[in-house]
Amino acid sequence: MPRGDDRADIYRAFTDAVNMKPGELRSWLETDDSKTVGQHSGGGESVGHESGRRIIDLLRRKRAELTDRDYAHMRKVVGYVHRHMAQRPRGDVSHTRWRYSLMNWGHDPVKGS
């Protein structure tokens, strides 16, 4: 169970890592490119795609409404984004599975570049 300071740190790291707005992420998750990347468990929705839907919910909720489980997911998102950003491929990443996977987790690596 994260305490006050830990929650503040997790929230800050989450909002730094997630650079897509809820509507933008929702629109992305509806695309074929979004649905074709990531690890699929049992042939259903990928882990990242499911995470993206949860991120939309987290972004739309008030901070006071967030639970310990929400903070645990936020920490997971931050870890994923940081690990995958460290594996950035060379060259233009605009149309890569690497970028699409990150976008499912709420981070567009070409945004603002």
PDB file of N, CA and C in Angstrom:
ATOM      1  N   MET A   1       0.840  -1.179   0.000  1.00  0.00           N
ATOM      2  CA  MET A   1       0.000   0.000   0.000  1.00  0.00           C
ATOM      3  C   MET A   1       0.892   1.252   0.000  1.00  0.00           C
ATOM      4  N   PRO A   2       0.912   2.004  -1.115  1.00  0.00           N
ATOM      5  CA  PRO A   2       1.748   3.208  -1.159  1.00  0.00           C
ATOM      6  C   PRO A   2       1.207   4.288  -0.228  1.00  0.00           C
ATOM      7  N   ARG A   3       2.117   4.972   0.446  1.00  0.00           N
ATOM      8  CA  ARG A   3       1.740   6.058   1.346  1.00  0.00           C
ATOM      9  C   ARG A   3       1.723   7.378   0.575  1.00  0.00           C
ATOM     10  N   GLY A   4       1.374   8.449   1.258  1.00  0.00           N
ATOM     11  CA  GLY A   4       1.202   9.760   0.630  1.00  0.00           C
ATOM     12  C   GLY A   4       2.330  10.199  -0.278  1.00  0.00           C
ATOM     13  N   ASP A   5       3.574  10.208   0.232  1.00  0.00           N
ATOM     14  CA  ASP A   5       4.716  10.646  -0.572  1.00  0.00           C
ATOM     15  C   ASP A   5       4.951   9.697  -1.747  1.00  0.00           C
ATOM     16  N   ASP A   6       4.825   8.386  -1.484  1.00  0.00           N
ATOM     17  CA  ASP A   6       4.994   7.398  -2.548  1.00  0.00           C
ATOM     18  C   ASP A   6       3.941   7.598  -3.634  1.00  0.00           C
ATOM     19  N   ARG A   7       2.727   7.838  -3.202  1.00  0.00           N
ATOM     20  CA  ARG A   7       1.647   8.069  -4.169  1.00  0.00           C
ATOM     21  C   ARG A   7       1.938   9.302  -5.032  1.00  0.00           C
ATOM     22  N   ALA A   8       2.435  10.338  -4.403  1.00  0.00           N
ATOM     23  CA  ALA A   8       2.756  11.559  -5.153  1.00  0.00           C
ATOM     24  C   ALA A   8       3.853  11.285  -6.175  1.00  0.00           C
ATOM     25  N   ASP A   9       4.867  10.522  -5.784  1.00  0.00           N
ATOM     26  CA  ASP A   9       5.961  10.175  -6.702  1.00  0.00           C
ATOM     27  C   ASP A   9       5.460   9.307  -7.850  1.00  0.00           C
ATOM     28  N   ILE A  10       4.625   8.320  -7.532  1.00  0.00           N
ATOM     29  CA  ILE A  10       4.076   7.438  -8.570  1.00  0.00           C
ATOM     30  C   ILE A  10       3.218   8.239  -9.532  1.00  0.00           C
ATOM     31  N   TYR A  11       2.361   9.103  -8.998  1.00  0.00           N
ATOM     32  CA  TYR A  11       1.473   9.906  -9.838  1.00  0.00           C
ATOM     33  C   TYR A  11       2.281  10.804 -10.776  1.00  0.00           C
ATOM     34  N   ARG A  12       3.307  11.440 -10.245  1.00  0.00           N
ATOM     35  CA  ARG A  12       4.165  12.322 -11.046  1.00  0.00           C
ATOM     36  C   ARG A  12       4.866  11.523 -12.150  1.00  0.00           C
ATOM     37  N   ALA A  13       5.424  10.383 -11.810  1.00  0.00           N
ATOM     38  CA  ALA A  13       6.118   9.549 -12.799  1.00  0.00           C
ATOM     39  C   ALA A  13       5.139   9.057 -13.868  1.00  0.00           C
ATOM     40  N   PHE A  14       3.925   8.715 -13.448  1.00  0.00           N
ATOM     41  CA  PHE A  14       2.894   8.251 -14.380  1.00  0.00           C
ATOM     42  C   PHE A  14       2.507   9.356 -15.356  1.00  0.00           C
ATOM     43  N   THR A  15       2.246  10.546 -14.835  1.00  0.00           N
ATOM     44  CA  THR A  15       1.837  11.638 -15.724  1.00  0.00           C
ATOM     45  C   THR A  15       2.985  12.117 -16.608  1.00  0.00           C
ATOM     46  N   ASP A  16       4.218  11.877 -16.199  1.00  0.00           N
ATOM     47  CA  ASP A  16       5.368  12.166 -17.063  1.00  0.00           C
ATOM     48  C   ASP A  16       5.483  11.119 -18.171  1.00  0.00           C
ATOM     49  N   ALA A  17       5.243   9.859 -17.832  1.00  0.00           N
ATOM     50  CA  ALA A  17       5.398   8.762 -18.796  1.00  0.00           C
ATOM     51  C   ALA A  17       4.262   8.731 -19.815  1.00  0.00           C
ATOM     52  N   VAL A  18       3.055   9.018 -19.375  1.00  0.00           N
ATOM     53  CA  VAL A  18       1.877   8.976 -20.245  1.00  0.00           C
ATOM     54  C   VAL A  18       1.705  10.354 -20.877  1.00  0.00           C
ATOM     55  N   ASN A  19       2.040  10.447 -22.158  1.00  0.00           N
ATOM     56  CA  ASN A  19       1.970  11.754 -22.824  1.00  0.00           C
ATOM     57  C   ASN A  19       0.813  11.853 -23.822  1.00  0.00           C
ATOM     58  N   MET A  20      -0.099  10.882 -23.774  1.00  0.00           N
ATOM     59  CA  MET A  20      -1.279  10.911 -24.641  1.00  0.00           C
ATOM     60  C   MET A  20      -2.500  11.257 -23.785  1.00  0.00           C
ATOM     61  N   LYS A  21      -3.377  12.069 -24.344  1.00  0.00           N
ATOM     62  CA  LYS A  21      -4.607  12.442 -23.661  1.00  0.00           C
ATOM     63  C   LYS A  21      -5.613  11.284 -23.786  1.00  0.00           C
ATOM     64  N   PRO A  22      -6.590  11.212 -22.871  1.00  0.00           N
ATOM     65  CA  PRO A  22      -7.535  10.086 -22.905  1.00  0.00           C
ATOM     66  C   PRO A  22      -8.217   9.880 -24.260  1.00  0.00           C
ATOM     67  N   GLY A  23      -8.705  10.943 -24.884  1.00  0.00           N
ATOM     68  CA  GLY A  23      -9.374  10.811 -26.181  1.00  0.00           C
ATOM     69  C   GLY A  23      -8.429  10.353 -27.275  1.00  0.00           C
ATOM     70  N   GLU A  24      -7.210  10.844 -27.215  1.00  0.00           N
ATOM     71  CA  GLU A  24      -6.180  10.476 -28.183  1.00  0.00           C
ATOM     72  C   GLU A  24      -5.843   8.983 -28.040  1.00  0.00           C
ATOM     73  N   LEU A  25      -5.695   8.532 -26.806  1.00  0.00           N
ATOM     74  CA  LEU A  25      -5.385   7.130 -26.550  1.00  0.00           C
ATOM     75  C   LEU A  25      -6.562   6.245 -26.961  1.00  0.00           C
ATOM     76  N   ARG A  26      -7.776   6.663 -26.650  1.00  0.00           N
ATOM     77  CA  ARG A  26      -8.971   5.898 -27.038  1.00  0.00           C
ATOM     78  C   ARG A  26      -9.042   5.723 -28.550  1.00  0.00           C
ATOM     79  N   SER A  27      -8.805   6.810 -29.279  1.00  0.00           N
ATOM     80  CA  SER A  27      -8.819   6.725 -30.750  1.00  0.00           C
ATOM     81  C   SER A  27      -7.738   5.789 -31.259  1.00  0.00           C
ATOM     82  N   TRP A  28      -6.539   5.859 -30.660  1.00  0.00           N
ATOM     83  CA  TRP A  28      -5.439   4.988 -31.067  1.00  0.00           C
ATOM     84  C   TRP A  28      -5.799   3.517 -30.842  1.00  0.00           C
ATOM     85  N   LEU A  29      -6.391   3.220 -29.685  1.00  0.00           N
ATOM     86  CA  LEU A  29      -6.707   1.828 -29.346  1.00  0.00           C
ATOM     87  C   LEU A  29      -7.727   1.212 -30.292  1.00  0.00           C
ATOM     88  N   GLU A  30      -8.446   2.040 -31.024  1.00  0.00           N
ATOM     89  CA  GLU A  30      -9.429   1.540 -31.989  1.00  0.00           C
ATOM     90  C   GLU A  30      -8.801   1.180 -33.334  1.00  0.00           C
ATOM     91  N   THR A  31      -7.539   1.509 -33.541  1.00  0.00           N
ATOM     92  CA  THR A  31      -6.895   1.250 -34.837  1.00  0.00           C
ATOM     93  C   THR A  31      -6.407  -0.190 -34.948  1.00  0.00           C
ATOM     94  N   ASP A  32      -6.266  -0.653 -36.201  1.00  0.00           N
ATOM     95  CA  ASP A  32      -5.719  -1.991 -36.448  1.00  0.00           C
ATOM     96  C   ASP A  32      -4.279  -2.091 -35.972  1.00  0.00           C
ATOM     97  N   ASP A  33      -3.487  -1.028 -36.178  1.00  0.00           N
ATOM     98  CA  ASP A  33      -2.084  -1.054 -35.747  1.00  0.00           C
ATOM     99  C   ASP A  33      -1.993  -1.300 -34.245  1.00  0.00           C
ATOM    100  N   SER A  34      -2.873  -0.685 -33.480  1.00  0.00           N
ATOM    101  CA  SER A  34      -2.868  -0.866 -32.031  1.00  0.00           C
ATOM    102  C   SER A  34      -3.166  -2.310 -31.652  1.00  0.00           C
ATOM    103  N   LYS A  35      -4.094  -2.911 -32.372  1.00  0.00           N
ATOM    104  CA  LYS A  35      -4.554  -4.262 -32.023  1.00  0.00           C
ATOM    105  C   LYS A  35      -3.597  -5.363 -32.458  1.00  0.00           C
ATOM    106  N   THR A  36      -2.620  -5.041 -33.317  1.00  0.00           N
ATOM    107  CA  THR A  36      -1.733  -6.087 -33.835  1.00  0.00           C
ATOM    108  C   THR A  36      -0.427  -6.222 -33.062  1.00  0.00           C
ATOM    109  N   VAL A  37      -0.170  -5.357 -32.090  1.00  0.00           N
ATOM    110  CA  VAL A  37       1.098  -5.424 -31.348  1.00  0.00           C
ATOM    111  C   VAL A  37       0.867  -5.889 -29.915  1.00  0.00           C
ATOM    112  N   GLY A  38       1.941  -6.358 -29.314  1.00  0.00           N
ATOM    113  CA  GLY A  38       1.907  -6.733 -27.907  1.00  0.00           C
ATOM    114  C   GLY A  38       1.721  -8.217 -27.700  1.00  0.00           C
ATOM    115  N   GLN A  39       1.870  -8.617 -26.441  1.00  0.00           N
ATOM    116  CA  GLN A  39       1.707 -10.012 -26.060  1.00  0.00           C
ATOM    117  C   GLN A  39       0.232 -10.310 -25.848  1.00  0.00           C
ATOM    118  N   HIS A  40      -0.233 -11.340 -26.533  1.00  0.00           N
ATOM    119  CA  HIS A  40      -1.630 -11.755 -26.404  1.00  0.00           C
ATOM    120  C   HIS A  40      -1.696 -12.991 -25.524  1.00  0.00           C
ATOM    121  N   SER A  41      -2.515 -12.910 -24.513  1.00  0.00           N
ATOM    122  CA  SER A  41      -2.691 -14.077 -23.648  1.00  0.00           C
ATOM    123  C   SER A  41      -3.988 -14.771 -24.033  1.00  0.00           C
ATOM    124  N   GLY A  42      -3.869 -15.986 -24.482  1.00  0.00           N
ATOM    125  CA  GLY A  42      -5.056 -16.757 -24.836  1.00  0.00           C
ATOM    126  C   GLY A  42      -5.768 -16.265 -26.079  1.00  0.00           C
ATOM    127  N   GLY A  43      -5.066 -15.568 -26.968  1.00  0.00           N
ATOM    128  CA  GLY A  43      -5.651 -15.128 -28.226  1.00  0.00           C
ATOM    129  C   GLY A  43      -6.558 -13.918 -28.124  1.00  0.00           C
ATOM    130  N   GLY A  44      -6.755 -13.387 -26.923  1.00  0.00           N
ATOM    131  CA  GLY A  44      -7.628 -12.227 -26.757  1.00  0.00           C
ATOM    132  C   GLY A  44      -6.862 -10.925 -26.902  1.00  0.00           C
ATOM    133  N   GLU A  45      -7.289  -9.954 -26.161  1.00  0.00           N
ATOM    134  CA  GLU A  45      -6.688  -8.627 -26.171  1.00  0.00           C
ATOM    135  C   GLU A  45      -5.260  -8.677 -25.613  1.00  0.00           C
ATOM    136  N   SER A  46      -4.365  -7.890 -26.204  1.00  0.00           N
ATOM    137  CA  SER A  46      -2.985  -7.864 -25.710  1.00  0.00           C
ATOM    138  C   SER A  46      -2.928  -7.179 -24.343  1.00  0.00           C
ATOM    139  N   VAL A  47      -1.861  -7.480 -23.621  1.00  0.00           N
ATOM    140  CA  VAL A  47      -1.649  -6.890 -22.299  1.00  0.00           C
ATOM    141  C   VAL A  47      -1.595  -5.367 -22.404  1.00  0.00           C
ATOM    142  N   GLY A  48      -0.864  -4.861 -23.400  1.00  0.00           N
ATOM    143  CA  GLY A  48      -0.737  -3.415 -23.574  1.00  0.00           C
ATOM    144  C   GLY A  48      -2.043  -2.748 -23.946  1.00  0.00           C
ATOM    145  N   HIS A  49      -2.827  -3.412 -24.792  1.00  0.00           N
ATOM    146  CA  HIS A  49      -4.112  -2.856 -25.211  1.00  0.00           C
ATOM    147  C   HIS A  49      -5.048  -2.750 -24.011  1.00  0.00           C
ATOM    148  N   GLU A  50      -5.072  -3.790 -23.200  1.00  0.00           N
ATOM    149  CA  GLU A  50      -5.883  -3.771 -21.983  1.00  0.00           C
ATOM    150  C   GLU A  50      -5.390  -2.668 -21.038  1.00  0.00           C
ATOM    151  N   SER A  51      -4.072  -2.530 -20.933  1.00  0.00           N
ATOM    152  CA  SER A  51      -3.500  -1.484 -20.090  1.00  0.00           C
ATOM    153  C   SER A  51      -3.920  -0.107 -20.595  1.00  0.00           C
ATOM    154  N   GLY A  52      -3.928   0.080 -21.899  1.00  0.00           N
ATOM    155  CA  GLY A  52      -4.333   1.359 -22.469  1.00  0.00           C
ATOM    156  C   GLY A  52      -5.739   1.749 -22.064  1.00  0.00           C
ATOM    157  N   ARG A  53      -6.647   0.768 -22.076  1.00  0.00           N
ATOM    158  CA  ARG A  53      -8.023   1.055 -21.653  1.00  0.00           C
ATOM    159  C   ARG A  53      -8.057   1.455 -20.176  1.00  0.00           C
ATOM    160  N   ARG A  54      -7.234   0.809 -19.382  1.00  0.00           N
ATOM    161  CA  ARG A  54      -7.185   1.140 -17.946  1.00  0.00           C
ATOM    162  C   ARG A  54      -6.566   2.524 -17.735  1.00  0.00           C
ATOM    163  N   ILE A  55      -5.560   2.859 -18.534  1.00  0.00           N
ATOM    164  CA  ILE A  55      -4.919   4.178 -18.431  1.00  0.00           C
ATOM    165  C   ILE A  55      -5.939   5.288 -18.707  1.00  0.00           C
ATOM    166  N   ILE A  56      -6.793   5.083 -19.704  1.00  0.00           N
ATOM    167  CA  ILE A  56      -7.831   6.074 -20.002  1.00  0.00           C
ATOM    168  C   ILE A  56      -8.679   6.315 -18.757  1.00  0.00           C
ATOM    169  N   ASP A  57      -9.080   5.242 -18.104  1.00  0.00           N
ATOM    170  CA  ASP A  57      -9.879   5.357 -16.884  1.00  0.00           C
ATOM    171  C   ASP A  57      -9.114   6.115 -15.798  1.00  0.00           C
ATOM    172  N   LEU A  58      -7.840   5.781 -15.627  1.00  0.00           N
ATOM    173  CA  LEU A  58      -7.028   6.448 -14.594  1.00  0.00           C
ATOM    174  C   LEU A  58      -6.896   7.944 -14.867  1.00  0.00           C
ATOM    175  N   LEU A  59      -6.699   8.300 -16.125  1.00  0.00           N
ATOM    176  CA  LEU A  59      -6.531   9.708 -16.476  1.00  0.00           C
ATOM    177  C   LEU A  59      -7.812  10.511 -16.275  1.00  0.00           C
ATOM    178  N   ARG A  60      -8.936   9.866 -16.385  1.00  0.00           N
ATOM    179  CA  ARG A  60     -10.219  10.566 -16.276  1.00  0.00           C
ATOM    180  C   ARG A  60     -10.725  10.673 -14.835  1.00  0.00           C
ATOM    181  N   ARG A  61     -10.099   9.951 -13.928  1.00  0.00           N
ATOM    182  CA  ARG A  61     -10.548   9.970 -12.540  1.00  0.00           C
ATOM    183  C   ARG A  61      -9.816  11.036 -11.735  1.00  0.00           C
ATOM    184  N   LYS A  62     -10.468  11.485 -10.670  1.00  0.00           N
ATOM    185  CA  LYS A  62      -9.838  12.429  -9.748  1.00  0.00           C
ATOM    186  C   LYS A  62      -8.787  11.671  -8.942  1.00  0.00           C
ATOM    187  N   ARG A  63      -7.739  12.362  -8.592  1.00  0.00           N
ATOM    188  CA  ARG A  63      -6.655  11.740  -7.824  1.00  0.00           C
ATOM    189  C   ARG A  63      -7.140  11.105  -6.537  1.00  0.00           C
ATOM    190  N   ALA A  64      -8.082  11.745  -5.869  1.00  0.00           N
ATOM    191  CA  ALA A  64      -8.600  11.239  -4.594  1.00  0.00           C
ATOM    192  C   ALA A  64      -9.353   9.912  -4.761  1.00  0.00           C
ATOM    193  N   GLU A  65      -9.770   9.601  -5.975  1.00  0.00           N
ATOM    194  CA  GLU A  65     -10.516   8.364  -6.238  1.00  0.00           C
ATOM    195  C   GLU A  65      -9.608   7.173  -6.541  1.00  0.00           C
ATOM    196  N   LEU A  66      -8.314   7.411  -6.700  1.00  0.00           N
ATOM    197  CA  LEU A  66      -7.394   6.338  -7.081  1.00  0.00           C
ATOM    198  C   LEU A  66      -7.117   5.410  -5.904  1.00  0.00           C
ATOM    199  N   THR A  67      -7.102   4.116  -6.194  1.00  0.00           N
ATOM    200  CA  THR A  67      -6.892   3.093  -5.166  1.00  0.00           C
ATOM    201  C   THR A  67      -5.443   2.600  -5.188  1.00  0.00           C
ATOM    202  N   ASP A  68      -5.115   1.772  -4.210  1.00  0.00           N
ATOM    203  CA  ASP A  68      -3.786   1.152  -4.189  1.00  0.00           C
ATOM    204  C   ASP A  68      -3.564   0.340  -5.465  1.00  0.00           C
ATOM    205  N   ARG A  69      -4.586  -0.348  -5.908  1.00  0.00           N
ATOM    206  CA  ARG A  69      -4.491  -1.139  -7.153  1.00  0.00           C
ATOM    207  C   ARG A  69      -4.206  -0.223  -8.352  1.00  0.00           C
ATOM    208  N   ASP A  70      -4.836   0.946  -8.363  1.00  0.00           N
ATOM    209  CA  ASP A  70      -4.583   1.915  -9.436  1.00  0.00           C
ATOM    210  C   ASP A  70      -3.125   2.369  -9.412  1.00  0.00           C
ATOM    211  N   TYR A  71      -2.623   2.666  -8.225  1.00  0.00           N
ATOM    212  CA  TYR A  71      -1.226   3.094  -8.120  1.00  0.00           C
ATOM    213  C   TYR A  71      -0.263   1.987  -8.538  1.00  0.00           C
ATOM    214  N   ALA A  72      -0.615   0.749  -8.241  1.00  0.00           N
ATOM    215  CA  ALA A  72       0.224  -0.383  -8.672  1.00  0.00           C
ATOM    216  C   ALA A  72       0.265  -0.448 -10.194  1.00  0.00           C
ATOM    217  N   HIS A  73      -0.885  -0.210 -10.842  1.00  0.00           N
ATOM    218  CA  HIS A  73      -0.901  -0.226 -12.310  1.00  0.00           C
ATOM    219  C   HIS A  73      -0.114   0.961 -12.865  1.00  0.00           C
ATOM    220  N   MET A  74      -0.242   2.101 -12.233  1.00  0.00           N
ATOM    221  CA  MET A  74       0.502   3.279 -12.679  1.00  0.00           C
ATOM    222  C   MET A  74       2.004   3.003 -12.620  1.00  0.00           C
ATOM    223  N   ARG A  75       2.443   2.344 -11.553  1.00  0.00           N
ATOM    224  CA  ARG A  75       3.858   1.988 -11.413  1.00  0.00           C
ATOM    225  C   ARG A  75       4.277   1.023 -12.536  1.00  0.00           C
ATOM    226  N   LYS A  76       3.400   0.093 -12.878  1.00  0.00           N
ATOM    227  CA  LYS A  76       3.668  -0.862 -13.963  1.00  0.00           C
ATOM    228  C   LYS A  76       3.824  -0.133 -15.302  1.00  0.00           C
ATOM    229  N   VAL A  77       2.959   0.842 -15.547  1.00  0.00           N
ATOM    230  CA  VAL A  77       3.023   1.637 -16.780  1.00  0.00           C
ATOM    231  C   VAL A  77       4.354   2.378 -16.865  1.00  0.00           C
ATOM    232  N   VAL A  78       4.749   3.010 -15.783  1.00  0.00           N
ATOM    233  CA  VAL A  78       6.015   3.758 -15.753  1.00  0.00           C
ATOM    234  C   VAL A  78       7.183   2.822 -16.058  1.00  0.00           C
ATOM    235  N   GLY A  79       7.197   1.658 -15.443  1.00  0.00           N
ATOM    236  CA  GLY A  79       8.264   0.687 -15.685  1.00  0.00           C
ATOM    237  C   GLY A  79       8.316   0.252 -17.132  1.00  0.00           C
ATOM    238  N   TYR A  80       7.146  -0.029 -17.712  1.00  0.00           N
ATOM    239  CA  TYR A  80       7.087  -0.458 -19.110  1.00  0.00           C
ATOM    240  C   TYR A  80       7.639   0.632 -20.028  1.00  0.00           C
ATOM    241  N   VAL A  81       7.153   1.847 -19.847  1.00  0.00           N
ATOM    242  CA  VAL A  81       7.590   2.957 -20.707  1.00  0.00           C
ATOM    243  C   VAL A  81       9.095   3.165 -20.586  1.00  0.00           C
ATOM    244  N   HIS A  82       9.620   3.174 -19.384  1.00  0.00           N
ATOM    245  CA  HIS A  82      11.059   3.389 -19.185  1.00  0.00           C
ATOM    246  C   HIS A  82      11.888   2.269 -19.814  1.00  0.00           C
ATOM    247  N   ARG A  83      11.479   1.008 -19.621  1.00  0.00           N
ATOM    248  CA  ARG A  83      12.217  -0.124 -20.211  1.00  0.00           C
ATOM    249  C   ARG A  83      12.217  -0.057 -21.731  1.00  0.00           C
ATOM    250  N   HIS A  84      11.066   0.214 -22.312  1.00  0.00           N
ATOM    251  CA  HIS A  84      10.977   0.210 -23.774  1.00  0.00           C
ATOM    252  C   HIS A  84      11.612   1.437 -24.413  1.00  0.00           C
ATOM    253  N   MET A  85      11.593   2.558 -23.731  1.00  0.00           N
ATOM    254  CA  MET A  85      12.284   3.733 -24.266  1.00  0.00           C
ATOM    255  C   MET A  85      13.792   3.477 -24.323  1.00  0.00           C
ATOM    256  N   ALA A  86      14.305   2.685 -23.398  1.00  0.00           N
ATOM    257  CA  ALA A  86      15.734   2.349 -23.383  1.00  0.00           C
ATOM    258  C   ALA A  86      16.103   1.426 -24.548  1.00  0.00           C
ATOM    259  N   GLN A  87      15.112   0.819 -25.200  1.00  0.00           N
ATOM    260  CA  GLN A  87      15.347  -0.099 -26.323  1.00  0.00           C
ATOM    261  C   GLN A  87      14.996   0.546 -27.663  1.00  0.00           C
ATOM    262  N   ARG A  88      14.997   1.867 -27.712  1.00  0.00           N
ATOM    263  CA  ARG A  88      14.594   2.576 -28.936  1.00  0.00           C
ATOM    264  C   ARG A  88      15.441   2.135 -30.134  1.00  0.00           C
ATOM    265  N   PRO A  89      14.777   1.713 -31.219  1.00  0.00           N
ATOM    266  CA  PRO A  89      15.533   1.328 -32.420  1.00  0.00           C
ATOM    267  C   PRO A  89      16.107   2.563 -33.126  1.00  0.00           C
ATOM    268  N   ARG A  90      17.060   2.329 -33.974  1.00  0.00           N
ATOM    269  CA  ARG A  90      17.662   3.424 -34.739  1.00  0.00           C
ATOM    270  C   ARG A  90      16.715   3.876 -35.842  1.00  0.00           C
ATOM    271  N   GLY A  91      16.927   5.099 -36.264  1.00  0.00           N
ATOM    272  CA  GLY A  91      16.181   5.622 -37.411  1.00  0.00           C
ATOM    273  C   GLY A  91      14.795   6.127 -37.051  1.00  0.00           C
ATOM    274  N   ASP A  92      14.007   6.298 -38.092  1.00  0.00           N
ATOM    275  CA  ASP A  92      12.649   6.812 -37.958  1.00  0.00           C
ATOM    276  C   ASP A  92      11.761   5.726 -37.340  1.00  0.00           C
ATOM    277  N   VAL A  93      11.159   6.020 -36.214  1.00  0.00           N
ATOM    278  CA  VAL A  93      10.330   5.028 -35.520  1.00  0.00           C
ATOM    279  C   VAL A  93       8.828   5.265 -35.740  1.00  0.00           C
ATOM    280  N   SER A  94       8.498   6.191 -36.630  1.00  0.00           N
ATOM    281  CA  SER A  94       7.099   6.591 -36.814  1.00  0.00           C
ATOM    282  C   SER A  94       6.149   5.427 -37.084  1.00  0.00           C
ATOM    283  N   HIS A  95       6.573   4.466 -37.882  1.00  0.00           N
ATOM    284  CA  HIS A  95       5.691   3.363 -38.274  1.00  0.00           C
ATOM    285  C   HIS A  95       6.279   2.030 -37.846  1.00  0.00           C
ATOM    286  N   THR A  96       6.646   1.943 -36.567  1.00  0.00           N
ATOM    287  CA  THR A  96       7.250   0.714 -36.057  1.00  0.00           C
ATOM    288  C   THR A  96       6.373   0.070 -34.995  1.00  0.00           C
ATOM    289  N   ARG A  97       6.497  -1.230 -34.865  1.00  0.00           N
ATOM    290  CA  ARG A  97       5.788  -1.966 -33.818  1.00  0.00           C
ATOM    291  C   ARG A  97       6.234  -1.471 -32.434  1.00  0.00           C
ATOM    292  N   TRP A  98       7.490  -1.054 -32.333  1.00  0.00           N
ATOM    293  CA  TRP A  98       8.022  -0.532 -31.079  1.00  0.00           C
ATOM    294  C   TRP A  98       7.202   0.681 -30.626  1.00  0.00           C
ATOM    295  N   ARG A  99       6.985   1.613 -31.545  1.00  0.00           N
ATOM    296  CA  ARG A  99       6.194   2.810 -31.216  1.00  0.00           C
ATOM    297  C   ARG A  99       4.745   2.430 -30.913  1.00  0.00           C
ATOM    298  N   TYR A 100       4.174   1.561 -31.733  1.00  0.00           N
ATOM    299  CA  TYR A 100       2.777   1.188 -31.546  1.00  0.00           C
ATOM    300  C   TYR A 100       2.557   0.537 -30.182  1.00  0.00           C
ATOM    301  N   SER A 101       3.504  -0.293 -29.769  1.00  0.00           N
ATOM    302  CA  SER A 101       3.394  -0.935 -28.469  1.00  0.00           C
ATOM    303  C   SER A 101       3.434   0.107 -27.344  1.00  0.00           C
ATOM    304  N   LEU A 102       4.352   1.046 -27.435  1.00  0.00           N
ATOM    305  CA  LEU A 102       4.425   2.113 -26.428  1.00  0.00           C
ATOM    306  C   LEU A 102       3.141   2.944 -26.406  1.00  0.00           C
ATOM    307  N   MET A 103       2.592   3.192 -27.568  1.00  0.00           N
ATOM    308  CA  MET A 103       1.360   3.987 -27.627  1.00  0.00           C
ATOM    309  C   MET A 103       0.203   3.269 -26.933  1.00  0.00           C
ATOM    310  N   ASN A 104       0.172   1.935 -26.998  1.00  0.00           N
ATOM    311  CA  ASN A 104      -0.856   1.192 -26.270  1.00  0.00           C
ATOM    312  C   ASN A 104      -0.761   1.445 -24.771  1.00  0.00           C
ATOM    313  N   TRP A 105       0.451   1.772 -24.317  1.00  0.00           N
ATOM    314  CA  TRP A 105       0.684   2.050 -22.895  1.00  0.00           C
ATOM    315  C   TRP A 105       0.623   3.553 -22.612  1.00  0.00           C
ATOM    316  N   GLY A 106       0.124   4.343 -23.566  1.00  0.00           N
ATOM    317  CA  GLY A 106      -0.120   5.762 -23.327  1.00  0.00           C
ATOM    318  C   GLY A 106       1.039   6.691 -23.618  1.00  0.00           C
ATOM    319  N   HIS A 107       2.122   6.159 -24.212  1.00  0.00           N
ATOM    320  CA  HIS A 107       3.286   6.996 -24.500  1.00  0.00           C
ATOM    321  C   HIS A 107       3.584   6.980 -25.993  1.00  0.00           C
ATOM    322  N   ASP A 108       3.533   8.144 -26.612  1.00  0.00           N
ATOM    323  CA  ASP A 108       3.904   8.275 -28.028  1.00  0.00           C
ATOM    324  C   ASP A 108       5.313   8.858 -28.089  1.00  0.00           C
ATOM    325  N   PRO A 109       6.297   8.040 -28.455  1.00  0.00           N
ATOM    326  CA  PRO A 109       7.691   8.484 -28.426  1.00  0.00           C
ATOM    327  C   PRO A 109       8.041   9.556 -29.459  1.00  0.00           C
ATOM    328  N   VAL A 110       7.189   9.771 -30.449  1.00  0.00           N
ATOM    329  CA  VAL A 110       7.488  10.817 -31.430  1.00  0.00           C
ATOM    330  C   VAL A 110       6.725  12.109 -31.136  1.00  0.00           C
ATOM    331  N   LYS A 111       5.902  12.082 -30.129  1.00  0.00           N
ATOM    332  CA  LYS A 111       5.129  13.278 -29.765  1.00  0.00           C
ATOM    333  C   LYS A 111       6.067  14.346 -29.200  1.00  0.00           C
ATOM    334  N   GLY A 112       6.001  15.521 -29.746  1.00  0.00           N
ATOM    335  CA  GLY A 112       6.823  16.619 -29.274  1.00  0.00           C
ATOM    336  C   GLY A 112       8.246  16.610 -29.780  1.00  0.00           C
ATOM    337  N   SER A 113       8.558  15.675 -30.690  1.00  0.00           N
ATOM    338  CA  SER A 113       9.944  15.633 -31.204  1.00  0.00           C
ATOM    339  C   SER A 113      10.043  16.272 -32.567  1.00  0.00           C
TER     340      SER A 113
END
